[in-house]
C-alpha cells in the first residue's frame, strides 16, 4: 500500500490525532485493573517500571498528561533493560488494545481508516514511521493489528485476555 493512501497519525492533526498515544486523556481515558488510565502512554510507561517499583508505576499512572508520564518513566534508569526490551511491544499492544476496547468513539475512528496504511508520525526512531526504513512504524503496525482484531467479533477481547495474563504480576504491583 502506498504512503499516498496512508493515514498520518500525529499528535495535532485532526481527526486522526485521537489515535495518537498522547491524545487528550480526559476524553480517552480507560479503566484497567480498578484504575483509570489517562492514555495508552500512561499504561505503557507504568508497565515499564511496574516489576521493579510499583510505587513509581503508580506515580506514572497518576500523571496529568501523557508527556509527563513518559518523561517521569524515562528519567528513572531501568535495572533490567533487556527484560523491558523483550516485552515493550506487547506492553504497547496491551495499552493500545485497552484504549480502543474501552472507547466506542475511538474504535469507530480506527475502523473508519478501512484497510489503509497507518503511519505513526511522532519523531521517535523506534515507534514512528521513517521513510525508507521498513522496520520503522512499529506503532502504526500495532494500530493496524488492533484494527484487524476489532473487525472480528471477540478477537480483540481474546487477545486482551492473553496480554493481561502476560502482565498480571506487573499490574498487581501498581498500587
N, C-alpha and C. Protein backbone atom coordinates (compact mmCIF):
# COMPACT_ATOMS: atom_id res chain seq x y z
N UNK A 1 0.85 -1.18 0.00
CA UNK A 1 0.00 0.00 0.00
C UNK A 1 0.89 1.24 0.00
N UNK A 2 0.57 2.22 -0.79
CA UNK A 2 1.43 3.39 -0.92
C UNK A 2 1.21 4.36 0.23
N UNK A 3 2.25 5.16 0.46
CA UNK A 3 2.15 6.16 1.52
C UNK A 3 1.15 7.26 1.15
N UNK A 4 0.83 7.43 -0.14
CA UNK A 4 -0.15 8.43 -0.55
C UNK A 4 -1.54 8.11 -0.01
N UNK A 5 -1.87 6.84 0.09
CA UNK A 5 -3.18 6.42 0.58
C UNK A 5 -3.19 6.26 2.10
N UNK A 6 -2.07 6.50 2.72
CA UNK A 6 -1.93 6.25 4.15
C UNK A 6 -2.65 7.30 5.00
N UNK A 7 -2.93 6.91 6.22
CA UNK A 7 -3.45 7.82 7.23
C UNK A 7 -2.27 8.22 8.11
N UNK A 8 -1.99 9.51 8.17
CA UNK A 8 -0.91 10.02 9.01
C UNK A 8 -1.46 10.29 10.41
N UNK A 9 -0.82 9.72 11.40
CA UNK A 9 -1.26 9.92 12.78
C UNK A 9 -0.21 10.77 13.49
N UNK A 10 -0.63 11.98 13.83
CA UNK A 10 0.24 12.89 14.57
C UNK A 10 -0.52 13.36 15.80
N UNK A 11 0.18 13.99 16.68
CA UNK A 11 -0.44 14.47 17.92
C UNK A 11 -1.43 15.61 17.66
N UNK A 12 -1.23 16.36 16.58
CA UNK A 12 -2.00 17.59 16.39
C UNK A 12 -2.95 17.59 15.20
N UNK A 13 -2.80 16.67 14.26
CA UNK A 13 -3.58 16.73 13.01
C UNK A 13 -4.89 15.95 13.15
N UNK A 14 -6.00 16.68 13.13
CA UNK A 14 -7.32 16.05 13.23
C UNK A 14 -7.71 15.43 11.90
N UNK A 15 -8.56 14.47 11.86
CA UNK A 15 -9.26 13.88 13.01
C UNK A 15 -8.50 12.73 13.66
N UNK A 16 -7.41 12.31 13.03
CA UNK A 16 -6.76 11.08 13.49
C UNK A 16 -5.82 11.27 14.68
N UNK A 17 -5.68 12.50 15.17
CA UNK A 17 -4.84 12.72 16.34
C UNK A 17 -5.38 11.97 17.57
N UNK A 18 -6.65 11.64 17.56
CA UNK A 18 -7.22 10.89 18.69
C UNK A 18 -6.64 9.48 18.77
N UNK A 19 -6.07 8.98 17.67
CA UNK A 19 -5.45 7.66 17.67
C UNK A 19 -4.05 7.68 18.27
N UNK A 20 -3.49 8.86 18.43
CA UNK A 20 -2.13 9.03 18.95
C UNK A 20 -2.08 8.67 20.44
N UNK A 21 -0.97 8.15 20.89
CA UNK A 21 -0.84 7.77 22.30
C UNK A 21 -0.84 8.95 23.27
N UNK A 22 -0.61 10.14 22.77
CA UNK A 22 -0.66 11.32 23.62
C UNK A 22 -1.99 12.06 23.48
N UNK A 23 -3.01 11.40 22.94
CA UNK A 23 -4.33 12.02 22.78
C UNK A 23 -4.88 12.44 24.14
N UNK A 24 -5.73 13.42 24.13
CA UNK A 24 -6.32 14.02 25.33
C UNK A 24 -6.89 12.95 26.26
N UNK A 25 -6.23 12.76 27.38
CA UNK A 25 -6.62 11.73 28.35
C UNK A 25 -7.95 11.98 29.03
N UNK A 26 -8.41 13.22 29.06
CA UNK A 26 -9.70 13.48 29.68
C UNK A 26 -10.82 12.89 28.83
N UNK A 27 -10.61 12.81 27.52
CA UNK A 27 -11.64 12.27 26.61
C UNK A 27 -11.48 10.78 26.38
N UNK A 28 -10.25 10.28 26.44
CA UNK A 28 -9.99 8.91 26.00
C UNK A 28 -9.42 8.03 27.10
N UNK A 29 -9.69 8.35 28.34
CA UNK A 29 -9.23 7.53 29.46
C UNK A 29 -9.93 6.17 29.41
N UNK A 30 -9.33 5.19 30.04
CA UNK A 30 -9.92 3.86 30.10
C UNK A 30 -9.64 3.26 31.47
N UNK A 31 -10.43 2.27 31.81
CA UNK A 31 -10.28 1.59 33.09
C UNK A 31 -9.56 0.25 32.88
N UNK A 32 -8.65 -0.05 33.79
CA UNK A 32 -7.98 -1.34 33.79
C UNK A 32 -7.51 -1.64 35.19
N UNK A 33 -7.84 -2.81 35.64
CA UNK A 33 -7.36 -3.30 36.94
C UNK A 33 -7.76 -2.37 38.07
N UNK A 34 -8.97 -1.80 37.96
CA UNK A 34 -9.51 -0.93 39.02
C UNK A 34 -8.97 0.48 39.02
N UNK A 35 -8.24 0.86 37.99
CA UNK A 35 -7.67 2.21 37.92
C UNK A 35 -8.01 2.86 36.60
N UNK A 36 -8.12 4.19 36.64
CA UNK A 36 -8.29 4.94 35.41
C UNK A 36 -6.91 5.25 34.84
N UNK A 37 -6.78 5.01 33.55
CA UNK A 37 -5.55 5.31 32.81
C UNK A 37 -5.88 6.42 31.83
N UNK A 38 -5.17 7.52 31.90
CA UNK A 38 -5.49 8.69 31.08
C UNK A 38 -5.07 8.53 29.62
N UNK A 39 -4.17 7.60 29.34
CA UNK A 39 -3.76 7.37 27.96
C UNK A 39 -3.05 6.02 27.87
N UNK A 40 -2.90 5.54 26.65
CA UNK A 40 -2.11 4.33 26.42
C UNK A 40 -0.67 4.56 26.86
N UNK A 41 -0.20 5.77 26.68
CA UNK A 41 1.17 6.11 27.08
C UNK A 41 1.35 5.96 28.59
N UNK A 42 0.36 6.36 29.37
CA UNK A 42 0.43 6.20 30.83
C UNK A 42 0.63 4.72 31.19
N UNK A 43 -0.20 3.85 30.62
CA UNK A 43 -0.12 2.43 30.94
C UNK A 43 1.21 1.85 30.48
N UNK A 44 1.59 2.13 29.26
CA UNK A 44 2.85 1.62 28.72
C UNK A 44 4.03 2.00 29.62
N UNK A 45 4.12 3.27 29.98
CA UNK A 45 5.26 3.73 30.78
C UNK A 45 5.19 3.24 32.22
N UNK A 46 4.00 3.05 32.75
CA UNK A 46 3.88 2.47 34.10
C UNK A 46 4.35 1.01 34.08
N UNK A 47 3.97 0.28 33.04
CA UNK A 47 4.41 -1.12 32.94
C UNK A 47 5.92 -1.23 32.81
N UNK A 48 6.54 -0.22 32.25
CA UNK A 48 8.00 -0.20 32.11
C UNK A 48 8.67 -0.37 33.47
N UNK A 49 8.08 0.19 34.50
CA UNK A 49 8.69 0.18 35.84
C UNK A 49 7.97 -0.70 36.86
N UNK A 50 6.82 -1.25 36.51
CA UNK A 50 5.99 -1.95 37.50
C UNK A 50 6.69 -3.11 38.17
N UNK A 51 7.46 -3.89 37.44
CA UNK A 51 8.13 -5.06 38.03
C UNK A 51 9.19 -4.65 39.05
N UNK A 52 9.78 -3.48 38.87
CA UNK A 52 10.86 -3.03 39.75
C UNK A 52 10.41 -2.07 40.84
N UNK A 53 9.37 -1.27 40.56
CA UNK A 53 8.96 -0.23 41.51
C UNK A 53 7.49 0.11 41.29
N UNK A 54 6.62 -0.61 42.00
CA UNK A 54 5.19 -0.40 41.86
C UNK A 54 4.74 0.99 42.25
N UNK A 55 5.40 1.60 43.23
CA UNK A 55 5.03 2.95 43.65
C UNK A 55 5.34 3.96 42.54
N UNK A 56 6.48 3.81 41.90
CA UNK A 56 6.82 4.68 40.77
C UNK A 56 5.82 4.48 39.64
N UNK A 57 5.46 3.24 39.36
CA UNK A 57 4.48 2.96 38.30
C UNK A 57 3.15 3.65 38.62
N UNK A 58 2.74 3.66 39.88
CA UNK A 58 1.51 4.34 40.27
C UNK A 58 1.63 5.85 40.07
N UNK A 59 2.80 6.42 40.37
CA UNK A 59 3.02 7.85 40.13
C UNK A 59 2.92 8.17 38.63
N UNK A 60 3.46 7.29 37.81
CA UNK A 60 3.38 7.47 36.35
C UNK A 60 1.91 7.42 35.92
N UNK A 61 1.17 6.46 36.44
CA UNK A 61 -0.26 6.34 36.11
C UNK A 61 -1.00 7.62 36.46
N UNK A 62 -0.65 8.24 37.56
CA UNK A 62 -1.37 9.40 38.06
C UNK A 62 -0.93 10.74 37.47
N UNK A 63 0.05 10.75 36.59
CA UNK A 63 0.48 12.00 35.95
C UNK A 63 -0.68 12.60 35.16
N UNK A 64 -0.74 13.91 35.15
CA UNK A 64 -1.86 14.58 34.48
C UNK A 64 -1.85 14.40 32.96
N UNK A 65 -0.66 14.44 32.37
CA UNK A 65 -0.55 14.39 30.91
C UNK A 65 0.37 13.25 30.48
N UNK A 66 0.12 12.69 29.29
CA UNK A 66 0.95 11.59 28.80
C UNK A 66 2.43 11.97 28.65
N UNK A 67 2.68 13.21 28.25
CA UNK A 67 4.07 13.66 28.09
C UNK A 67 4.80 13.64 29.42
N UNK A 68 4.08 13.98 30.49
CA UNK A 68 4.69 13.97 31.82
C UNK A 68 4.92 12.54 32.29
N UNK A 69 3.98 11.66 32.01
CA UNK A 69 4.14 10.25 32.36
C UNK A 69 5.37 9.67 31.66
N UNK A 70 5.52 9.98 30.38
CA UNK A 70 6.67 9.49 29.62
C UNK A 70 7.97 10.05 30.19
N UNK A 71 8.00 11.34 30.46
CA UNK A 71 9.21 11.97 31.00
C UNK A 71 9.59 11.37 32.35
N UNK A 72 8.60 11.14 33.19
CA UNK A 72 8.87 10.55 34.51
C UNK A 72 9.44 9.15 34.36
N UNK A 73 8.85 8.36 33.47
CA UNK A 73 9.33 6.99 33.25
C UNK A 73 10.76 6.97 32.70
N UNK A 74 11.04 7.85 31.77
CA UNK A 74 12.36 7.86 31.13
C UNK A 74 13.43 8.49 32.00
N UNK A 75 13.03 9.18 33.07
CA UNK A 75 14.02 9.81 33.95
C UNK A 75 14.62 8.83 34.96
N UNK A 76 14.03 7.64 35.05
CA UNK A 76 14.50 6.64 36.02
C UNK A 76 15.12 5.47 35.27
N UNK A 77 16.33 5.14 35.65
CA UNK A 77 17.08 4.05 34.99
C UNK A 77 16.45 2.69 35.32
N UNK A 78 16.26 1.88 34.28
CA UNK A 78 15.77 0.51 34.48
C UNK A 78 16.91 -0.38 34.95
N UNK A 79 16.64 -1.20 35.96
CA UNK A 79 17.66 -2.12 36.45
C UNK A 79 17.85 -3.30 35.49
N UNK A 80 16.80 -3.63 34.75
CA UNK A 80 16.88 -4.76 33.83
C UNK A 80 16.34 -4.34 32.45
N UNK A 81 17.11 -3.54 31.70
CA UNK A 81 16.61 -3.04 30.42
C UNK A 81 16.37 -4.15 29.39
N UNK A 82 17.11 -5.24 29.45
CA UNK A 82 16.92 -6.35 28.49
C UNK A 82 15.52 -6.95 28.67
N UNK A 83 15.09 -7.09 29.92
CA UNK A 83 13.76 -7.61 30.22
C UNK A 83 12.70 -6.73 29.55
N UNK A 84 12.85 -5.41 29.67
CA UNK A 84 11.87 -4.50 29.09
C UNK A 84 11.92 -4.53 27.57
N UNK A 85 13.11 -4.58 27.00
CA UNK A 85 13.23 -4.63 25.54
C UNK A 85 12.48 -5.82 24.95
N UNK A 86 12.48 -6.91 25.67
CA UNK A 86 11.79 -8.12 25.21
C UNK A 86 10.28 -8.02 25.34
N UNK A 87 9.78 -7.12 26.17
CA UNK A 87 8.35 -7.05 26.47
C UNK A 87 7.67 -5.76 26.01
N UNK A 88 8.44 -4.79 25.58
CA UNK A 88 7.86 -3.46 25.35
C UNK A 88 6.79 -3.44 24.25
N UNK A 89 6.96 -4.22 23.20
CA UNK A 89 5.93 -4.20 22.15
C UNK A 89 4.63 -4.82 22.65
N UNK A 90 4.71 -5.89 23.43
CA UNK A 90 3.48 -6.46 23.99
C UNK A 90 2.84 -5.52 25.01
N UNK A 91 3.67 -4.78 25.75
CA UNK A 91 3.12 -3.78 26.68
C UNK A 91 2.36 -2.71 25.90
N UNK A 92 2.90 -2.29 24.77
CA UNK A 92 2.21 -1.29 23.94
C UNK A 92 0.94 -1.89 23.35
N UNK A 93 0.99 -3.15 22.91
CA UNK A 93 -0.23 -3.80 22.40
C UNK A 93 -1.33 -3.79 23.46
N UNK A 94 -0.96 -4.13 24.69
CA UNK A 94 -1.92 -4.14 25.79
C UNK A 94 -2.51 -2.75 25.98
N UNK A 95 -1.65 -1.74 26.06
CA UNK A 95 -2.11 -0.37 26.31
C UNK A 95 -3.04 0.12 25.21
N UNK A 96 -2.66 -0.12 23.96
CA UNK A 96 -3.46 0.35 22.82
C UNK A 96 -4.78 -0.42 22.75
N UNK A 97 -4.73 -1.71 22.96
CA UNK A 97 -5.96 -2.52 22.92
C UNK A 97 -6.93 -2.07 24.01
N UNK A 98 -6.45 -1.82 25.22
CA UNK A 98 -7.32 -1.33 26.30
C UNK A 98 -7.99 -0.02 25.91
N UNK A 99 -7.21 0.88 25.35
CA UNK A 99 -7.71 2.20 24.94
C UNK A 99 -8.88 2.05 23.96
N UNK A 100 -8.74 1.16 22.99
CA UNK A 100 -9.77 1.05 21.96
C UNK A 100 -10.95 0.20 22.40
N UNK A 101 -10.72 -0.82 23.17
CA UNK A 101 -11.82 -1.66 23.64
C UNK A 101 -12.75 -0.84 24.54
N UNK A 102 -12.19 0.07 25.31
CA UNK A 102 -12.96 0.84 26.29
C UNK A 102 -13.59 2.11 25.72
N UNK A 103 -13.38 2.41 24.44
CA UNK A 103 -13.87 3.67 23.91
C UNK A 103 -14.48 3.47 22.52
N UNK A 104 -15.80 3.49 22.45
CA UNK A 104 -16.51 3.26 21.19
C UNK A 104 -16.18 4.30 20.12
N UNK A 105 -16.02 5.57 20.51
CA UNK A 105 -15.70 6.61 19.53
C UNK A 105 -14.33 6.36 18.89
N UNK A 106 -13.37 5.97 19.71
CA UNK A 106 -12.04 5.68 19.16
C UNK A 106 -12.07 4.44 18.27
N UNK A 107 -12.83 3.44 18.68
CA UNK A 107 -12.98 2.25 17.84
C UNK A 107 -13.52 2.63 16.47
N UNK A 108 -14.56 3.44 16.46
CA UNK A 108 -15.17 3.86 15.19
C UNK A 108 -14.17 4.63 14.34
N UNK A 109 -13.39 5.50 14.96
CA UNK A 109 -12.40 6.27 14.21
C UNK A 109 -11.33 5.35 13.61
N UNK A 110 -10.84 4.42 14.41
CA UNK A 110 -9.82 3.48 13.91
C UNK A 110 -10.39 2.62 12.78
N UNK A 111 -11.60 2.12 12.97
CA UNK A 111 -12.21 1.29 11.94
C UNK A 111 -12.53 2.09 10.67
N UNK A 112 -12.75 3.39 10.80
CA UNK A 112 -13.04 4.23 9.63
C UNK A 112 -11.84 4.35 8.70
N UNK A 113 -10.66 3.96 9.17
CA UNK A 113 -9.47 4.02 8.30
C UNK A 113 -9.46 2.87 7.30
N UNK A 114 -10.42 1.95 7.42
CA UNK A 114 -10.52 0.83 6.48
C UNK A 114 -9.28 -0.03 6.50
N UNK A 115 -8.74 -0.27 5.34
CA UNK A 115 -7.53 -1.09 5.23
C UNK A 115 -6.31 -0.23 4.90
N UNK A 116 -6.46 1.08 5.07
CA UNK A 116 -5.34 1.98 4.72
C UNK A 116 -4.17 1.79 5.67
N UNK A 117 -3.00 2.06 5.15
CA UNK A 117 -1.77 2.03 5.92
C UNK A 117 -1.82 3.14 6.97
N UNK A 118 -1.46 2.82 8.21
CA UNK A 118 -1.41 3.82 9.28
C UNK A 118 0.05 4.17 9.54
N UNK A 119 0.40 5.42 9.36
CA UNK A 119 1.76 5.88 9.60
C UNK A 119 1.76 6.73 10.87
N UNK A 120 2.46 6.23 11.87
CA UNK A 120 2.56 6.93 13.16
C UNK A 120 3.73 7.89 13.06
N UNK A 121 3.44 9.17 13.16
CA UNK A 121 4.46 10.21 12.97
C UNK A 121 4.65 10.95 14.29
N UNK A 122 5.69 10.57 15.01
CA UNK A 122 5.93 11.16 16.33
C UNK A 122 7.36 11.67 16.50
N UNK A 123 8.23 11.32 15.57
CA UNK A 123 9.61 11.77 15.68
C UNK A 123 10.49 10.83 16.48
N UNK A 124 9.95 9.69 16.84
CA UNK A 124 10.68 8.70 17.60
C UNK A 124 11.20 7.65 16.62
N UNK A 125 12.45 7.34 16.70
CA UNK A 125 13.05 6.41 15.75
C UNK A 125 12.58 4.98 15.85
N UNK A 126 11.97 4.59 16.93
CA UNK A 126 11.53 3.20 17.08
C UNK A 126 10.05 3.04 16.73
N UNK A 127 9.21 3.81 17.36
CA UNK A 127 7.76 3.65 17.21
C UNK A 127 7.23 4.29 15.94
N UNK A 128 7.88 5.32 15.44
CA UNK A 128 7.36 6.12 14.35
C UNK A 128 7.80 5.63 12.97
N UNK A 129 7.06 6.09 11.98
CA UNK A 129 7.40 5.81 10.59
C UNK A 129 8.57 6.69 10.17
N UNK A 130 9.56 6.06 9.55
CA UNK A 130 10.69 6.78 8.97
C UNK A 130 10.80 6.31 7.53
N UNK A 131 10.57 7.22 6.61
CA UNK A 131 10.59 6.87 5.19
C UNK A 131 11.92 6.19 4.83
N UNK A 132 11.81 5.06 4.14
CA UNK A 132 12.99 4.33 3.72
C UNK A 132 13.49 3.30 4.72
N UNK A 133 12.86 3.23 5.87
CA UNK A 133 13.24 2.24 6.89
C UNK A 133 12.05 1.30 7.12
N UNK A 134 12.04 0.15 6.48
CA UNK A 134 10.88 -0.74 6.54
C UNK A 134 10.57 -1.29 7.94
N UNK A 135 11.54 -1.31 8.83
CA UNK A 135 11.28 -1.83 10.19
C UNK A 135 10.75 -0.75 11.12
N UNK A 136 10.62 0.48 10.62
CA UNK A 136 10.07 1.54 11.46
C UNK A 136 8.55 1.43 11.49
N UNK A 137 7.90 2.37 12.13
CA UNK A 137 6.43 2.42 12.21
C UNK A 137 5.85 1.28 13.05
N UNK A 138 6.53 0.91 14.11
CA UNK A 138 6.05 -0.16 14.99
C UNK A 138 4.68 0.21 15.55
N UNK A 139 4.50 1.46 15.93
CA UNK A 139 3.20 1.88 16.49
C UNK A 139 2.11 1.80 15.43
N UNK A 140 2.41 2.21 14.22
CA UNK A 140 1.43 2.10 13.13
C UNK A 140 1.04 0.65 12.90
N UNK A 141 2.00 -0.26 12.96
CA UNK A 141 1.69 -1.68 12.79
C UNK A 141 0.83 -2.21 13.93
N UNK A 142 1.10 -1.76 15.15
CA UNK A 142 0.27 -2.19 16.28
C UNK A 142 -1.16 -1.67 16.12
N UNK A 143 -1.31 -0.43 15.68
CA UNK A 143 -2.65 0.11 15.45
C UNK A 143 -3.39 -0.68 14.37
N UNK A 144 -2.69 -1.07 13.32
CA UNK A 144 -3.33 -1.86 12.27
C UNK A 144 -3.69 -3.25 12.78
N UNK A 145 -2.87 -3.80 13.66
CA UNK A 145 -3.15 -5.10 14.29
C UNK A 145 -4.44 -5.00 15.13
N UNK A 146 -4.54 -3.94 15.93
CA UNK A 146 -5.72 -3.73 16.77
C UNK A 146 -6.95 -3.52 15.89
N UNK A 147 -6.80 -2.76 14.82
CA UNK A 147 -7.92 -2.54 13.89
C UNK A 147 -8.41 -3.89 13.35
N UNK A 148 -7.49 -4.76 12.94
CA UNK A 148 -7.88 -6.07 12.41
C UNK A 148 -8.59 -6.90 13.48
N UNK A 149 -8.14 -6.83 14.72
CA UNK A 149 -8.80 -7.56 15.81
C UNK A 149 -10.22 -7.04 16.04
N UNK A 150 -10.38 -5.71 15.99
CA UNK A 150 -11.70 -5.11 16.23
C UNK A 150 -12.69 -5.44 15.12
N UNK A 151 -12.20 -5.79 13.95
CA UNK A 151 -13.07 -6.13 12.83
C UNK A 151 -13.66 -7.53 12.96
N UNK A 152 -13.12 -8.33 13.88
CA UNK A 152 -13.56 -9.72 14.05
C UNK A 152 -14.17 -9.88 15.45
N UNK A 153 -15.46 -10.11 15.54
CA UNK A 153 -16.12 -10.20 16.85
C UNK A 153 -15.39 -11.15 17.81
N UNK A 154 -15.11 -10.65 19.00
CA UNK A 154 -14.50 -11.46 20.05
C UNK A 154 -12.99 -11.55 20.00
N UNK A 155 -12.36 -11.19 18.88
CA UNK A 155 -10.91 -11.34 18.76
C UNK A 155 -10.13 -10.35 19.62
N UNK A 156 -10.60 -9.11 19.69
CA UNK A 156 -9.91 -8.11 20.49
C UNK A 156 -9.93 -8.50 21.97
N UNK A 157 -11.07 -8.96 22.44
CA UNK A 157 -11.19 -9.36 23.83
C UNK A 157 -10.33 -10.59 24.13
N UNK A 158 -10.27 -11.53 23.19
CA UNK A 158 -9.44 -12.73 23.38
C UNK A 158 -7.97 -12.35 23.47
N UNK A 159 -7.52 -11.46 22.58
CA UNK A 159 -6.11 -11.03 22.61
C UNK A 159 -5.84 -10.25 23.89
N UNK A 160 -6.80 -9.44 24.33
CA UNK A 160 -6.63 -8.69 25.58
C UNK A 160 -6.41 -9.65 26.75
N UNK A 161 -7.16 -10.73 26.81
CA UNK A 161 -7.01 -11.69 27.92
C UNK A 161 -5.62 -12.30 27.92
N UNK A 162 -5.08 -12.60 26.75
CA UNK A 162 -3.73 -13.16 26.66
C UNK A 162 -2.70 -12.15 27.17
N UNK A 163 -2.83 -10.90 26.72
CA UNK A 163 -1.88 -9.86 27.14
C UNK A 163 -2.00 -9.56 28.63
N UNK A 164 -3.23 -9.55 29.15
CA UNK A 164 -3.40 -9.34 30.60
C UNK A 164 -2.71 -10.44 31.39
N UNK A 165 -2.79 -11.66 30.89
CA UNK A 165 -2.09 -12.76 31.55
C UNK A 165 -0.59 -12.55 31.57
N UNK A 166 -0.04 -12.02 30.50
CA UNK A 166 1.40 -11.78 30.42
C UNK A 166 1.86 -10.69 31.40
N UNK A 167 0.98 -9.75 31.70
CA UNK A 167 1.36 -8.61 32.54
C UNK A 167 0.65 -8.61 33.89
N UNK A 168 0.07 -9.75 34.27
CA UNK A 168 -0.70 -9.84 35.52
C UNK A 168 0.12 -9.40 36.73
N UNK A 169 1.32 -9.93 36.87
CA UNK A 169 2.13 -9.59 38.05
C UNK A 169 2.49 -8.12 38.10
N UNK A 170 2.85 -7.55 36.95
CA UNK A 170 3.20 -6.13 36.92
C UNK A 170 1.99 -5.27 37.30
N UNK A 171 0.81 -5.61 36.79
CA UNK A 171 -0.37 -4.83 37.12
C UNK A 171 -0.70 -4.90 38.61
N UNK A 172 -0.42 -6.03 39.25
CA UNK A 172 -0.66 -6.15 40.69
C UNK A 172 0.33 -5.31 41.50
N UNK A 173 1.48 -4.99 40.92
CA UNK A 173 2.48 -4.18 41.63
C UNK A 173 2.13 -2.70 41.67
N UNK A 174 1.27 -2.29 40.75
CA UNK A 174 0.90 -0.86 40.68
C UNK A 174 -0.19 -0.58 41.70
N UNK A 175 0.17 0.13 42.73
CA UNK A 175 -0.75 0.38 43.83
C UNK A 175 -1.64 1.58 43.58
